[in-house]
C-alpha atoms as a PDB file:
ATOM      1  CA  MET A   1      25.584 -17.494 -28.905  1.00  0.00           C
ATOM      2  CA  ARG A   2      21.935 -16.431 -29.404  1.00  0.00           C
ATOM      3  CA  VAL A   3      19.829 -16.389 -26.240  1.00  0.00           C
ATOM      4  CA  HIS A   4      16.073 -16.034 -25.787  1.00  0.00           C
ATOM      5  CA  VAL A   5      14.905 -14.580 -22.470  1.00  0.00           C
ATOM      6  CA  ILE A   6      11.269 -15.573 -21.906  1.00  0.00           C
ATOM      7  CA  SER A   7       9.706 -13.889 -18.909  1.00  0.00           C
ATOM      8  CA  ASP A   8       6.687 -13.745 -16.694  1.00  0.00           C
ATOM      9  CA  MET A   9       5.857 -11.420 -13.840  1.00  0.00           C
ATOM     10  CA  GLU A  10       4.447 -13.409 -10.928  1.00  0.00           C
ATOM     11  CA  GLY A  11       7.775 -15.067 -10.098  1.00  0.00           C
ATOM     12  CA  VAL A  12       9.670 -11.831  -9.564  1.00  0.00           C
ATOM     13  CA  ALA A  13      11.106 -11.110  -6.088  1.00  0.00           C
ATOM     14  CA  GLY A  14       8.777  -8.895  -4.066  1.00  0.00           C
ATOM     15  CA  ILE A  15       5.678  -9.628  -6.147  1.00  0.00           C
ATOM     16  CA  VAL A  16       2.946 -11.369  -4.133  1.00  0.00           C
ATOM     17  CA  LYS A  17      -0.369  -9.668  -5.075  1.00  0.00           C
ATOM     18  CA  TRP A  18      -2.373  -9.586  -8.300  1.00  0.00           C
ATOM     19  CA  GLN A  19      -2.415  -5.774  -8.110  1.00  0.00           C
ATOM     20  CA  GLN A  20       1.340  -5.762  -8.750  1.00  0.00           C
ATOM     21  CA  THR A  21       0.823  -7.610 -12.011  1.00  0.00           C
ATOM     22  CA  THR A  22      -2.367  -6.045 -13.354  1.00  0.00           C
ATOM     23  CA  GLY A  23      -2.246  -3.086 -15.761  1.00  0.00           C
ATOM     24  CA  GLY A  24      -3.849   0.048 -14.371  1.00  0.00           C
ATOM     25  CA  GLU A  25      -3.406  -0.842 -10.713  1.00  0.00           C
ATOM     26  CA  LYS A  26      -1.237   1.493  -8.658  1.00  0.00           C
ATOM     27  CA  LEU A  27       1.027  -1.303  -7.489  1.00  0.00           C
ATOM     28  CA  TYR A  28       1.614  -2.349 -11.097  1.00  0.00           C
ATOM     29  CA  ASP A  29       3.951   0.620 -11.483  1.00  0.00           C
ATOM     30  CA  GLU A  30       6.209  -0.880  -8.844  1.00  0.00           C
ATOM     31  CA  GLY A  31       5.845  -4.369 -10.267  1.00  0.00           C
ATOM     32  CA  ARG A  32       6.990  -3.260 -13.747  1.00  0.00           C
ATOM     33  CA  VAL A  33      10.245  -1.892 -12.332  1.00  0.00           C
ATOM     34  CA  LEU A  34      10.955  -5.037 -10.340  1.00  0.00           C
ATOM     35  CA  TYR A  35      10.156  -7.097 -13.434  1.00  0.00           C
ATOM     36  CA  THR A  36      12.322  -5.155 -15.865  1.00  0.00           C
ATOM     37  CA  GLU A  37      15.314  -5.170 -13.562  1.00  0.00           C
ATOM     38  CA  GLU A  38      15.250  -8.956 -13.164  1.00  0.00           C
ATOM     39  CA  ILE A  39      15.206  -9.213 -16.950  1.00  0.00           C
ATOM     40  CA  ASN A  40      18.222  -6.916 -17.050  1.00  0.00           C
ATOM     41  CA  ALA A  41      20.036  -9.196 -14.624  1.00  0.00           C
ATOM     42  CA  ALA A  42      19.487 -12.165 -16.950  1.00  0.00           C
ATOM     43  CA  VAL A  43      20.711 -10.101 -19.912  1.00  0.00           C
ATOM     44  CA  ARG A  44      23.880  -9.137 -18.056  1.00  0.00           C
ATOM     45  CA  GLY A  45      24.514 -12.773 -17.172  1.00  0.00           C
ATOM     46  CA  ALA A  46      23.942 -13.870 -20.738  1.00  0.00           C
ATOM     47  CA  LYS A  47      26.345 -11.259 -22.108  1.00  0.00           C
ATOM     48  CA  ALA A  48      28.972 -12.251 -19.538  1.00  0.00           C
ATOM     49  CA  ALA A  49      28.582 -15.874 -20.701  1.00  0.00           C
ATOM     50  CA  GLY A  50      29.338 -14.851 -24.292  1.00  0.00           C
ATOM     51  CA  ALA A  51      25.914 -14.165 -25.780  1.00  0.00           C
ATOM     52  CA  THR A  52      26.133 -12.172 -28.994  1.00  0.00           C
ATOM     53  CA  GLU A  53      22.383 -11.655 -29.359  1.00  0.00           C
ATOM     54  CA  VAL A  54      19.749 -11.538 -26.644  1.00  0.00           C
ATOM     55  CA  VAL A  55      16.041 -11.222 -27.397  1.00  0.00           C
ATOM     56  CA  VAL A  56      13.570 -10.729 -24.545  1.00  0.00           C
ATOM     57  CA  MET A  57       9.960 -11.843 -24.901  1.00  0.00           C
ATOM     58  CA  ASP A  58       7.452 -10.680 -22.273  1.00  0.00           C
ATOM     59  CA  CYS A  59       4.850 -13.429 -21.702  1.00  0.00           C
ATOM     60  CA  HIS A  60       2.836 -11.739 -18.987  1.00  0.00           C
ATOM     61  CA  GLY A  61      -0.786 -10.929 -19.705  1.00  0.00           C
ATOM     62  CA  ALA A  62      -1.373  -7.839 -17.601  1.00  0.00           C
ATOM     63  CA  GLY A  63      -4.672  -6.978 -19.291  1.00  0.00           C
ATOM     64  CA  GLY A  64      -5.688  -4.696 -22.163  1.00  0.00           C
ATOM     65  CA  ALA A  65      -2.905  -2.739 -23.816  1.00  0.00           C
ATOM     66  CA  TYR A  66      -0.491  -4.054 -21.202  1.00  0.00           C
ATOM     67  CA  ASP A  67      -0.825  -7.686 -22.382  1.00  0.00           C
ATOM     68  CA  PHE A  68       2.756  -8.899 -23.126  1.00  0.00           C
ATOM     69  CA  ASN A  69       3.790  -5.283 -22.756  1.00  0.00           C
ATOM     70  CA  SER A  70       4.801  -4.926 -19.087  1.00  0.00           C
ATOM     71  CA  LEU A  71       8.501  -4.236 -19.586  1.00  0.00           C
ATOM     72  CA  LEU A  72       9.695  -0.648 -19.201  1.00  0.00           C
ATOM     73  CA  PRO A  73      11.703   0.028 -22.398  1.00  0.00           C
ATOM     74  CA  GLU A  74      13.573   3.026 -20.952  1.00  0.00           C
ATOM     75  CA  LEU A  75      14.990   0.815 -18.198  1.00  0.00           C
ATOM     76  CA  LEU A  76      15.888  -2.187 -20.376  1.00  0.00           C
ATOM     77  CA  ASP A  77      19.560  -3.073 -20.774  1.00  0.00           C
ATOM     78  CA  PRO A  78      20.608  -1.809 -24.215  1.00  0.00           C
ATOM     79  CA  ALA A  79      22.427  -5.085 -24.834  1.00  0.00           C
ATOM     80  CA  CYS A  80      19.090  -6.793 -25.634  1.00  0.00           C
ATOM     81  CA  GLU A  81      16.184  -6.346 -28.008  1.00  0.00           C
ATOM     82  CA  TYR A  82      12.618  -7.073 -26.918  1.00  0.00           C
ATOM     83  CA  VAL A  83       9.383  -8.367 -28.399  1.00  0.00           C
ATOM     84  CA  VAL A  84       5.823  -7.188 -27.784  1.00  0.00           C
ATOM     85  CA  GLN A  85       3.503  -9.841 -29.190  1.00  0.00           C
ATOM     86  CA  GLN A  86      -0.250  -9.761 -29.730  1.00  0.00           C
ATOM     87  CA  GLU A  87      -0.999 -13.324 -28.577  1.00  0.00           C
ATOM     88  CA  TRP A  88       0.938 -15.531 -26.186  1.00  0.00           C
ATOM     89  CA  THR A  89       3.224 -18.036 -27.963  1.00  0.00           C
ATOM     90  CA  GLU A  90       2.651 -16.147 -31.194  1.00  0.00           C
ATOM     91  CA  TYR A  91       6.268 -14.987 -31.731  1.00  0.00           C
ATOM     92  CA  THR A  92       8.476 -17.838 -32.881  1.00  0.00           C
ATOM     93  CA  ALA A  93      10.799 -16.158 -35.404  1.00  0.00           C
ATOM     94  CA  PHE A  94      13.857 -16.067 -33.119  1.00  0.00           C
ATOM     95  CA  LEU A  95      13.449 -19.755 -32.266  1.00  0.00           C
ATOM     96  CA  GLU A  96      12.944 -20.665 -35.915  1.00  0.00           C
ATOM     97  CA  SER A  97      16.029 -18.753 -37.039  1.00  0.00           C
ATOM     98  CA  GLY A  98      18.386 -20.734 -34.834  1.00  0.00           C
ATOM     99  CA  CYS A  99      18.562 -19.957 -31.128  1.00  0.00           C
ATOM    100  CA  ASP A 100      21.086 -21.610 -28.797  1.00  0.00           C
ATOM    101  CA  ALA A 101      19.322 -21.476 -25.431  1.00  0.00           C
ATOM    102  CA  ALA A 102      16.403 -20.035 -23.489  1.00  0.00           C
ATOM    103  CA  LEU A 103      16.336 -18.437 -20.046  1.00  0.00           C
ATOM    104  CA  PHE A 104      13.012 -18.323 -18.189  1.00  0.00           C
ATOM    105  CA  VAL A 105      12.773 -15.421 -15.722  1.00  0.00           C
ATOM    106  CA  GLY A 106      10.001 -14.624 -13.242  1.00  0.00           C
ATOM    107  CA  MET A 107       8.087 -17.880 -13.665  1.00  0.00           C
ATOM    108  CA  HIS A 108       5.288 -19.077 -11.393  1.00  0.00           C
ATOM    109  CA  ALA A 109       3.968 -22.528 -10.445  1.00  0.00           C
ATOM    110  CA  MET A 110       1.063 -24.321 -12.124  1.00  0.00           C
ATOM    111  CA  ALA A 111      -2.564 -24.057 -10.984  1.00  0.00           C
ATOM    112  CA  GLY A 112      -3.282 -25.821  -7.718  1.00  0.00           C
ATOM    113  CA  THR A 113       0.213 -25.521  -6.261  1.00  0.00           C
ATOM    114  CA  ALA A 114      -0.456 -24.682  -2.627  1.00  0.00           C
ATOM    115  CA  ASP A 115       2.859 -22.913  -1.943  1.00  0.00           C
ATOM    116  CA  GLY A 116       3.083 -21.348  -5.389  1.00  0.00           C
ATOM    117  CA  VAL A 117       2.964 -17.560  -5.263  1.00  0.00           C
ATOM    118  CA  LEU A 118       0.117 -16.375  -7.557  1.00  0.00           C
ATOM    119  CA  SER A 119       0.012 -19.931  -8.962  1.00  0.00           C
ATOM    120  CA  HIS A 120      -2.150 -20.478 -12.046  1.00  0.00           C
ATOM    121  CA  THR A 121      -2.027 -21.938 -15.531  1.00  0.00           C
ATOM    122  CA  VAL A 122      -2.775 -19.591 -18.475  1.00  0.00           C
ATOM    123  CA  SER A 123      -5.804 -18.083 -16.680  1.00  0.00           C
ATOM    124  CA  GLY A 124      -6.181 -17.742 -12.963  1.00  0.00           C
ATOM    125  CA  GLN A 125      -9.966 -17.952 -13.332  1.00  0.00           C
ATOM    126  CA  ALA A 126     -10.562 -20.415 -16.168  1.00  0.00           C
ATOM    127  CA  TRP A 127      -7.948 -23.190 -16.395  1.00  0.00           C
ATOM    128  CA  GLN A 128      -7.697 -25.851 -13.703  1.00  0.00           C
ATOM    129  CA  ASN A 129      -5.399 -28.504 -15.212  1.00  0.00           C
ATOM    130  CA  LEU A 130      -3.304 -28.853 -18.356  1.00  0.00           C
ATOM    131  CA  SER A 131      -1.455 -31.936 -19.515  1.00  0.00           C
ATOM    132  CA  PHE A 132       0.760 -32.942 -22.445  1.00  0.00           C
ATOM    133  CA  ASN A 133       0.530 -36.661 -23.187  1.00  0.00           C
ATOM    134  CA  GLY A 134      -0.597 -37.259 -19.621  1.00  0.00           C
ATOM    135  CA  THR A 135       2.061 -35.102 -17.920  1.00  0.00           C
ATOM    136  CA  LEU A 136       0.598 -32.281 -15.815  1.00  0.00           C
ATOM    137  CA  VAL A 137       2.282 -29.005 -16.739  1.00  0.00           C
ATOM    138  CA  GLY A 138       2.067 -25.284 -16.119  1.00  0.00           C
ATOM    139  CA  GLU A 139       3.325 -22.294 -18.042  1.00  0.00           C
ATOM    140  CA  THR A 140       6.933 -23.386 -17.658  1.00  0.00           C
ATOM    141  CA  GLY A 141       5.966 -26.527 -19.560  1.00  0.00           C
ATOM    142  CA  ILE A 142       4.151 -24.569 -22.279  1.00  0.00           C
ATOM    143  CA  ASN A 143       7.106 -22.248 -22.891  1.00  0.00           C
ATOM    144  CA  ALA A 144       9.575 -25.159 -22.718  1.00  0.00           C
ATOM    145  CA  ALA A 145       7.549 -27.075 -25.298  1.00  0.00           C
ATOM    146  CA  LEU A 146       7.499 -23.985 -27.537  1.00  0.00           C
ATOM    147  CA  CYS A 147      11.293 -23.743 -27.344  1.00  0.00           C
ATOM    148  CA  GLY A 148      11.754 -27.463 -27.637  1.00  0.00           C
ATOM    149  CA  HIS A 149       9.775 -27.668 -30.839  1.00  0.00           C
ATOM    150  CA  TRP A 150      12.594 -25.771 -32.493  1.00  0.00           C
ATOM    151  CA  GLY A 151      15.311 -27.681 -30.658  1.00  0.00           C
ATOM    152  CA  VAL A 152      16.100 -24.984 -28.107  1.00  0.00           C
ATOM    153  CA  PRO A 153      16.934 -26.060 -24.547  1.00  0.00           C
ATOM    154  CA  VAL A 154      15.722 -24.204 -21.489  1.00  0.00           C
ATOM    155  CA  VAL A 155      18.742 -23.905 -19.217  1.00  0.00           C
ATOM    156  CA  LEU A 156      17.494 -21.518 -16.520  1.00  0.00           C
ATOM    157  CA  VAL A 157      14.282 -21.042 -14.532  1.00  0.00           C
ATOM    158  CA  THR A 158      13.915 -18.292 -11.931  1.00  0.00           C
ATOM    159  CA  GLY A 159      10.985 -17.679  -9.596  1.00  0.00           C
ATOM    160  CA  ASP A 160       9.696 -19.032  -6.318  1.00  0.00           C
ATOM    161  CA  ARG A 161      10.745 -22.314  -4.708  1.00  0.00           C
ATOM    162  CA  ALA A 162       7.695 -24.130  -6.079  1.00  0.00           C
ATOM    163  CA  VAL A 163       8.323 -23.287  -9.736  1.00  0.00           C
ATOM    164  CA  CYS A 164      12.025 -24.116  -9.425  1.00  0.00           C
ATOM    165  CA  LYS A 165      11.029 -27.583  -8.187  1.00  0.00           C
ATOM    166  CA  GLU A 166       8.446 -27.831 -10.990  1.00  0.00           C
ATOM    167  CA  GLY A 167      11.050 -26.927 -13.550  1.00  0.00           C
ATOM    168  CA  ARG A 168      13.563 -29.508 -12.370  1.00  0.00           C
ATOM    169  CA  GLU A 169      10.933 -32.240 -12.275  1.00  0.00           C
ATOM    170  CA  LEU A 170       9.956 -31.505 -15.890  1.00  0.00           C
ATOM    171  CA  LEU A 171      13.331 -30.662 -17.436  1.00  0.00           C
ATOM    172  CA  GLY A 172      15.781 -32.590 -15.269  1.00  0.00           C
ATOM    173  CA  ASP A 173      18.382 -31.918 -12.619  1.00  0.00           C
ATOM    174  CA  GLY A 174      20.690 -30.310 -15.162  1.00  0.00           C
ATOM    175  CA  LEU A 175      18.429 -27.270 -15.140  1.00  0.00           C
ATOM    176  CA  THR A 176      19.862 -24.235 -13.331  1.00  0.00           C
ATOM    177  CA  THR A 177      17.256 -22.673 -11.024  1.00  0.00           C
ATOM    178  CA  VAL A 178      17.328 -19.440  -9.067  1.00  0.00           C
ATOM    179  CA  GLU A 179      14.943 -19.200  -6.131  1.00  0.00           C
ATOM    180  CA  VAL A 180      14.098 -15.566  -5.383  1.00  0.00           C
ATOM    181  CA  LYS A 181      11.309 -16.233  -2.899  1.00  0.00           C
ATOM    182  CA  GLU A 182       9.622 -18.986  -0.926  1.00  0.00           C
ATOM    183  CA  GLY A 183       5.817 -19.127  -1.088  1.00  0.00           C
ATOM    184  CA  LEU A 184       4.049 -19.146   2.247  1.00  0.00           C
ATOM    185  CA  GLY A 185       0.726 -19.466   0.470  1.00  0.00           C
ATOM    186  CA  ARG A 186      -0.693 -18.180  -2.817  1.00  0.00           C
ATOM    187  CA  PHE A 187      -0.512 -14.503  -1.758  1.00  0.00           C
ATOM    188  CA  SER A 188       2.413 -14.418   0.653  1.00  0.00           C
ATOM    189  CA  ALA A 189       6.122 -15.143   0.492  1.00  0.00           C
ATOM    190  CA  ARG A 190       9.481 -14.797   2.138  1.00  0.00           C
ATOM    191  CA  SER A 191      11.438 -12.969  -0.535  1.00  0.00           C
ATOM    192  CA  LYS A 192      14.992 -12.010  -1.372  1.00  0.00           C
ATOM    193  CA  THR A 193      15.476  -8.271  -1.698  1.00  0.00           C
ATOM    194  CA  PRO A 194      15.452  -7.078  -5.313  1.00  0.00           C
ATOM    195  CA  ALA A 195      19.181  -6.346  -5.256  1.00  0.00           C
ATOM    196  CA  VAL A 196      20.084  -9.825  -4.024  1.00  0.00           C
ATOM    197  CA  ALA A 197      17.629 -11.492  -6.417  1.00  0.00           C
ATOM    198  CA  ARG A 198      19.218  -9.690  -9.359  1.00  0.00           C
ATOM    199  CA  GLU A 199      22.694 -10.760  -8.328  1.00  0.00           C
ATOM    200  CA  LEU A 200      21.555 -14.354  -8.109  1.00  0.00           C
ATOM    201  CA  ILE A 201      19.795 -14.203 -11.491  1.00  0.00           C
ATOM    202  CA  GLU A 202      22.844 -12.694 -13.201  1.00  0.00           C
ATOM    203  CA  ALA A 203      25.106 -15.390 -11.756  1.00  0.00           C
ATOM    204  CA  GLY A 204      22.539 -18.098 -12.578  1.00  0.00           C
ATOM    205  CA  ALA A 205      22.250 -17.026 -16.218  1.00  0.00           C
ATOM    206  CA  ARG A 206      26.008 -17.005 -16.601  1.00  0.00           C
ATOM    207  CA  LYS A 207      26.293 -20.484 -15.058  1.00  0.00           C
ATOM    208  CA  ALA A 208      23.386 -21.927 -17.046  1.00  0.00           C
ATOM    209  CA  LEU A 209      24.859 -20.801 -20.374  1.00  0.00           C
ATOM    210  CA  SER A 210      28.264 -22.323 -19.602  1.00  0.00           C
ATOM    211  CA  ASP A 211      26.938 -25.784 -20.506  1.00  0.00           C
ATOM    212  CA  LEU A 212      24.182 -25.894 -23.104  1.00  0.00           C
ATOM    213  CA  SER A 213      24.195 -29.670 -23.053  1.00  0.00           C
ATOM    214  CA  ALA A 214      23.035 -29.850 -19.422  1.00  0.00           C
ATOM    215  CA  VAL A 215      19.364 -29.816 -20.433  1.00  0.00           C
ATOM    216  CA  LYS A 216      17.809 -31.462 -23.488  1.00  0.00           C
ATOM    217  CA  PRO A 217      15.161 -29.561 -25.476  1.00  0.00           C
ATOM    218  CA  TYR A 218      11.764 -30.481 -24.042  1.00  0.00           C
ATOM    219  CA  ASP A 219       9.567 -32.633 -26.310  1.00  0.00           C
ATOM    220  CA  PRO A 220       6.207 -33.801 -24.892  1.00  0.00           C
ATOM    221  CA  GLY A 221       6.182 -36.521 -27.518  1.00  0.00           C
ATOM    222  CA  SER A 222       4.769 -37.245 -30.973  1.00  0.00           C
ATOM    223  CA  PRO A 223       1.916 -37.577 -31.607  1.00  0.00           C
ATOM    224  CA  CYS A 224       0.771 -35.233 -28.860  1.00  0.00           C
ATOM    225  CA  GLU A 225      -2.467 -35.016 -26.915  1.00  0.00           C
ATOM    226  CA  ILE A 226      -3.194 -31.851 -24.993  1.00  0.00           C
ATOM    227  CA  ALA A 227      -5.892 -32.132 -22.317  1.00  0.00           C
ATOM    228  CA  ILE A 228      -7.420 -29.219 -20.439  1.00  0.00           C
ATOM    229  CA  ASP A 229      -9.792 -29.165 -17.451  1.00  0.00           C
ATOM    230  CA  PHE A 230     -11.552 -25.855 -16.909  1.00  0.00           C
ATOM    231  CA  THR A 231     -12.866 -24.504 -13.618  1.00  0.00           C
ATOM    232  CA  THR A 232     -16.504 -24.258 -14.789  1.00  0.00           C
ATOM    233  CA  PRO A 233     -18.468 -25.462 -17.844  1.00  0.00           C
ATOM    234  CA  ASP A 234     -18.929 -21.952 -19.269  1.00  0.00           C
ATOM    235  CA  ARG A 235     -15.148 -21.580 -19.606  1.00  0.00           C
ATOM    236  CA  LEU A 236     -15.154 -24.423 -22.154  1.00  0.00           C
ATOM    237  CA  VAL A 237     -17.299 -22.491 -24.616  1.00  0.00           C
ATOM    238  CA  GLU A 238     -14.475 -20.326 -25.992  1.00  0.00           C
ATOM    239  CA  PHE A 239     -12.560 -23.378 -27.197  1.00  0.00           C
ATOM    240  CA  ALA A 240     -15.247 -26.032 -27.829  1.00  0.00           C
ATOM    241  CA  ASN A 241     -15.777 -25.290 -31.543  1.00  0.00           C
ATOM    242  CA  ARG A 242     -12.164 -24.713 -32.519  1.00  0.00           C
ATOM    243  CA  LYS A 243     -10.537 -26.984 -35.099  1.00  0.00           C
ATOM    244  CA  GLY A 244      -9.373 -30.311 -33.725  1.00  0.00           C
ATOM    245  CA  VAL A 245     -10.956 -29.907 -30.305  1.00  0.00           C
ATOM    246  CA  GLY A 246     -12.777 -32.848 -28.794  1.00  0.00           C
ATOM    247  CA  VAL A 247     -15.052 -32.178 -25.812  1.00  0.00           C
ATOM    248  CA  THR A 248     -14.561 -34.940 -23.240  1.00  0.00           C
ATOM    249  CA  GLY A 249     -16.733 -33.675 -20.389  1.00  0.00           C
ATOM    250  CA  ALA A 250     -18.723 -30.744 -19.066  1.00  0.00           C
ATOM    251  CA  LYS A 251     -15.463 -28.930 -18.232  1.00  0.00           C
ATOM    252  CA  SER A 252     -12.811 -30.746 -20.262  1.00  0.00           C
ATOM    253  CA  LEU A 253     -11.424 -31.101 -23.761  1.00  0.00           C
ATOM    254  CA  VAL A 254      -8.591 -32.699 -25.705  1.00  0.00           C
ATOM    255  CA  VAL A 255      -6.802 -31.678 -28.852  1.00  0.00           C
ATOM    256  CA  ARG A 256      -4.403 -33.908 -30.754  1.00  0.00           C
ATOM    257  CA  GLY A 257      -1.707 -33.313 -33.341  1.00  0.00           C
ATOM    258  CA  ASN A 258       1.291 -34.975 -35.011  1.00  0.00           C
ATOM    259  CA  ASP A 259       3.475 -33.019 -32.590  1.00  0.00           C
ATOM    260  CA  TRP A 260       3.063 -30.542 -29.757  1.00  0.00           C
ATOM    261  CA  TRP A 261       3.091 -27.408 -31.928  1.00  0.00           C
ATOM    262  CA  SER A 262       0.473 -28.663 -34.392  1.00  0.00           C
ATOM    263  CA  ALA A 263      -1.794 -29.578 -31.471  1.00  0.00           C
ATOM    264  CA  TRP A 264      -1.239 -26.316 -29.551  1.00  0.00           C
ATOM    265  CA  SER A 265      -1.415 -23.888 -32.462  1.00  0.00           C
ATOM    266  CA  GLY A 266      -4.427 -25.718 -33.866  1.00  0.00           C
ATOM    267  CA  PHE A 267      -6.650 -24.623 -31.044  1.00  0.00           C
ATOM    268  CA  PHE A 268      -4.949 -21.859 -29.021  1.00  0.00           C
ATOM    269  CA  PHE A 269      -4.917 -19.144 -31.687  1.00  0.00           C
END
């Protein structure tokens, strides 16, 4: 069984402030350890479930040279390999080569979620809303669509209570979720201790991989229309002249494709 662990940082137990997730900040040093050890818990669970190959992909943009490079290699479980990519959603080789399931670790809720710890979508400053064929999604939806394009089901989501709810609403009740903290606002939470969170994640990964048919690969539909609302008009400029983009308002655009991947890759890279 080949398993892809796709991870983000804001949904990790004990992380509640941007400084814990931003490269160069003092608290980032602590955040990287917490992050890496939750990944290790998922790897252990995957191996216990029978995984023969586990590839970890860091999807956290920490800024500068730390973009998608927040894991601490020396602490990583040797049972996995890991990817450092240049652009988010750029690495698809493992999915393309035939992957059995994906585990999402450390996820956060979409922009505008009141009780979502560090909630945002793609950019905490620029993106306000994102939808696929009319369905409002966050980064869990983006990563699930990426996996789903190659027929890979997402069977586990870990993070705060809000993102676990978001994941089940998008992917169905067959999804295994592990709640490691409850948001009390965007910058506060009641959290499990790291040790307990890791135990729960390891058990959750093992359970999730025991039934790969519990969740269908996520497909937003074909053809696919991606719509984005930005926070201010100037944020639109970066994307307005990209291939396939249609500007629909002072702060909004749409991009269309025969399927989700053709629409997404046509404007995001």
